[in-house]
Each structure stands twice: as structure tokens, then as C-alpha cells.
Protein backbone atom coordinates (compact mmCIF):
# COMPACT_ATOMS: atom_id res chain seq x y z
CA MET A 1 74.12 90.58 107.36
CA ASN A 2 76.65 89.69 109.97
CA ASN A 3 77.92 92.49 112.16
CA GLU A 4 81.17 90.67 112.91
CA LYS A 5 84.38 92.56 112.29
CA ILE A 6 86.59 91.03 109.65
CA ALA A 7 90.23 91.09 110.62
CA PRO A 8 92.40 92.86 108.05
CA ILE A 9 94.96 90.80 106.21
CA ASN A 10 98.43 91.94 107.21
CA TYR A 11 101.19 90.88 104.87
CA ILE A 12 104.87 91.50 104.37
CA PHE A 13 106.76 90.40 101.29
CA TYR A 14 109.79 88.12 101.43
CA LEU A 15 112.29 88.71 98.62
CA GLN A 16 113.19 85.33 97.20
CA THR A 17 116.76 85.68 95.95
CA LYS A 18 117.27 82.00 95.09
CA LEU A 19 115.16 79.38 93.33
CA GLU A 20 114.28 77.55 96.54
CA LEU A 21 113.01 79.11 99.75
CA ASP A 22 115.47 79.20 102.60
CA ASN A 23 114.83 77.52 105.95
CA TYR A 24 114.89 80.99 107.54
CA TYR A 25 111.76 81.85 105.53
CA TYR A 26 109.76 79.02 107.09
CA LEU A 27 110.92 79.86 110.61
CA LEU A 28 110.22 83.57 110.23
CA SER A 29 106.87 82.92 108.53
CA ASP A 30 105.76 80.67 111.39
CA ILE A 31 106.68 83.29 113.99
CA LEU A 32 104.98 86.14 112.09
CA ASN A 33 101.81 84.06 111.55
CA LYS A 34 101.38 83.95 115.32
CA ILE A 35 101.38 87.77 115.31
CA ASN A 36 98.76 87.90 112.50
CA ILE A 37 101.23 88.80 109.73
CA THR A 38 101.57 86.69 106.59
CA LEU A 39 104.97 86.45 104.94
CA LEU A 40 104.56 86.22 101.15
CA PRO A 41 107.49 85.14 98.95
CA ILE A 42 108.04 87.35 95.92
CA THR A 43 110.67 87.49 93.19
CA GLY A 44 112.50 90.58 92.01
CA GLU A 45 110.44 90.72 88.81
CA ASP A 46 107.16 90.53 90.74
CA LEU A 47 108.37 93.30 93.00
CA LYS A 48 108.43 95.73 90.08
CA VAL A 49 104.70 95.35 89.37
CA LEU A 50 103.42 95.95 92.91
CA ASP A 51 101.09 98.82 93.74
CA LYS A 52 103.38 101.84 93.97
CA ASN A 53 100.73 104.05 95.58
CA LYS A 54 101.15 102.55 99.02
CA LYS A 55 104.18 101.64 101.08
CA GLN A 56 105.18 97.98 100.85
CA TYR A 57 107.19 96.05 103.43
CA LEU A 58 109.94 93.70 102.32
CA VAL A 59 112.12 91.19 104.20
CA VAL A 60 115.31 89.87 102.66
CA ILE A 61 117.67 87.28 104.12
CA ARG A 62 121.21 87.28 102.75
CA ASN A 63 122.99 84.36 104.38
CA ASP A 64 125.17 83.09 101.54
CA LEU A 65 126.91 84.43 98.46
CA SER A 66 124.18 83.45 95.96
CA SER A 67 121.47 85.25 97.97
CA ALA A 68 123.71 88.33 98.28
CA ILE A 69 124.30 88.41 94.52
CA GLY A 70 120.57 87.97 93.81
CA PHE A 71 119.73 90.77 96.24
CA ASN A 72 122.28 93.14 94.66
CA GLU A 73 120.76 92.55 91.21
CA VAL A 74 117.27 93.43 92.50
CA ARG A 75 118.61 96.36 94.48
CA LYS A 76 120.35 97.92 91.50
CA SER A 77 117.48 97.33 89.09
CA PHE A 78 114.52 98.51 91.18
CA LEU A 79 114.93 98.55 94.94
CA GLU A 80 117.15 101.63 95.17
CA TRP A 81 114.60 103.66 93.22
CA ALA A 82 111.67 102.45 95.35
CA MET A 83 113.49 103.07 98.62
CA SER A 84 114.56 106.56 97.60
CA ARG A 85 110.88 107.39 97.00
CA GLU A 86 109.87 105.70 100.29
CA LYS A 87 107.67 103.13 98.52
CA ILE A 88 109.38 100.13 100.15
CA ALA A 89 110.50 99.56 103.72
CA LEU A 90 113.28 96.98 103.80
CA PHE A 91 114.17 94.64 106.67
CA ASP A 92 117.63 93.28 105.83
CA ILE A 93 118.66 90.14 107.73
CA SER A 94 122.21 89.52 106.61
CA SER A 95 125.64 88.16 107.37
CA PHE A 96 127.04 90.80 104.98
CA SER A 97 127.52 94.53 105.48
CA GLU A 98 124.70 97.06 105.28
CA ILE A 99 123.72 98.52 101.92
CA GLU A 100 125.11 101.82 100.69
CA ASP A 101 123.29 104.89 102.05
CA ALA A 102 121.99 102.78 104.95
CA VAL A 103 122.12 105.72 107.36
CA LYS A 104 120.02 107.88 105.03
CA TYR A 105 117.39 105.14 104.72
CA GLN A 106 117.45 104.41 108.45
CA ASN A 107 116.73 108.06 109.19
CA LYS A 108 113.65 107.84 106.93
CA ASN A 109 112.56 104.65 108.76
CA ILE A 110 112.57 102.59 105.58
CA TYR A 111 115.63 100.41 106.24
CA ARG A 112 116.44 98.19 109.18
CA SER A 113 119.42 95.85 109.32
CA PHE A 114 119.91 92.72 111.46
CA GLN A 115 123.25 90.88 111.57
CA LEU A 116 123.22 87.08 111.37
CA PRO A 117 123.35 85.02 113.56
CA VAL A 118 120.31 86.51 115.24
CA ASN A 119 117.31 85.34 117.24
CA LEU A 120 114.45 85.22 114.71
CA LYS A 121 111.82 85.80 117.41
CA GLN A 122 113.42 89.14 118.27
CA VAL A 123 113.66 90.04 114.58
CA ALA A 124 110.00 89.12 114.05
CA MET A 125 108.96 91.29 117.00
CA ALA A 126 110.99 94.24 115.69
CA ILE A 127 109.44 93.81 112.23
CA ALA A 128 105.93 93.58 113.70
CA VAL A 129 106.45 96.70 115.85
CA ASP A 130 107.65 98.74 112.86
CA PHE A 131 104.89 97.36 110.61
CA PHE A 132 102.02 98.06 112.99
CA ARG A 133 103.44 101.44 114.03
CA ASP A 134 103.54 102.59 110.41
CA LYS A 135 100.16 101.08 109.65
CA ASN A 136 98.44 102.80 112.59
CA THR A 137 100.08 106.19 112.08
CA THR A 138 97.78 108.74 110.52
CA ILE A 139 99.23 111.62 108.59
CA ASP A 140 97.66 114.99 109.36
CA TRP A 141 97.86 118.01 107.12
CA PRO A 142 100.41 120.33 108.78
CA GLY A 143 98.78 123.53 107.55
CA GLY A 144 95.79 123.49 109.82
CA ARG A 145 92.33 124.51 108.65
CA ARG A 146 91.44 127.00 105.97
CA SER A 147 90.16 130.24 107.41
CA LYS A 148 86.70 131.44 106.49
CA LEU A 149 85.27 134.90 106.44
CA PRO A 150 82.23 135.60 108.57
CA THR A 151 78.96 135.61 106.67
CA MET A 152 77.59 139.03 105.73
CA ASN A 153 73.89 138.28 105.80
CA ASN A 154 71.47 141.11 106.64
CA GLU A 155 69.23 138.83 108.60
CA SER A 156 68.25 140.32 111.93
């Protein structure tokens, strides 16, 4: 057996709101690949069947009216529910306004908005920082350890 460490596969989903992939997808994917993160395109229907036991990361780019309409359909059908239960962290790169309840989601660290035009390298770095920070954070039980009574053995 080889004792080499296998690098984990880091992936973030890209919500495909139109039939064809946008040029922004290819640029952002290339930048994130250099940071060891793969950007996977996914449709709104595929998003519904993802593993709901772990937190998923999703990037959406809304740069024209058709992508904004496609995003709103996905948001109303599934995304609002998943974000309210903290199952999806959304990175919204948009030339439109933020979503409703953006402040509530930002406080939970599951929504981040970037206004277009924006430098995609800076966006990719911000996404990578949030992704790796969440991935490397361990959750400890806040209650401490269970107390135990001393043993009452009569061994002397």
C-alpha cells in the first residue's frame, strides 16, 4: 500500500440558470481550479436531490434578465427552504439587488453578495476563504463532559 496522502476533492456548485454556461463560469472555474476547488455546474432540479445532511456551497451569477428569472424560480421552489435550514451557502454574484432577507442570511454566514462589475479573482478568493473556513471549523458540544461519580469499590 502507498502511504501517500490523497488530496480531498473540494467542490462548489454553480447554479446554471440558462441553457448555456456563461463566460463568467469559465473564468471563475479557472481561477478556483488554481486554489484546488472545482466548480461544478448544476441545474435547479439537480439541486433538489443533493445530500441534505451536509452543507453545500452554491455560486450563482445573475448578469442578465433571463438568469435573474431562472434564479428566482429556483429560489422560490427550493433555495429559500434550504437556506433557512442552513443546508446551502449561497454566493450571489449579481448586477441586481440582494435577495429578500439577505441580512438574516448574512448573519448566519450562508449568503454573500457581490455586485457586478467585480474582479473575479477577488470574488474567488473570498469564496475560497469562506469555503475553507467552514470546512476546517469543528463544532464542539457546548455542554462540556458528563460528570461521573467516583467508584465505590472496597478494594484496599
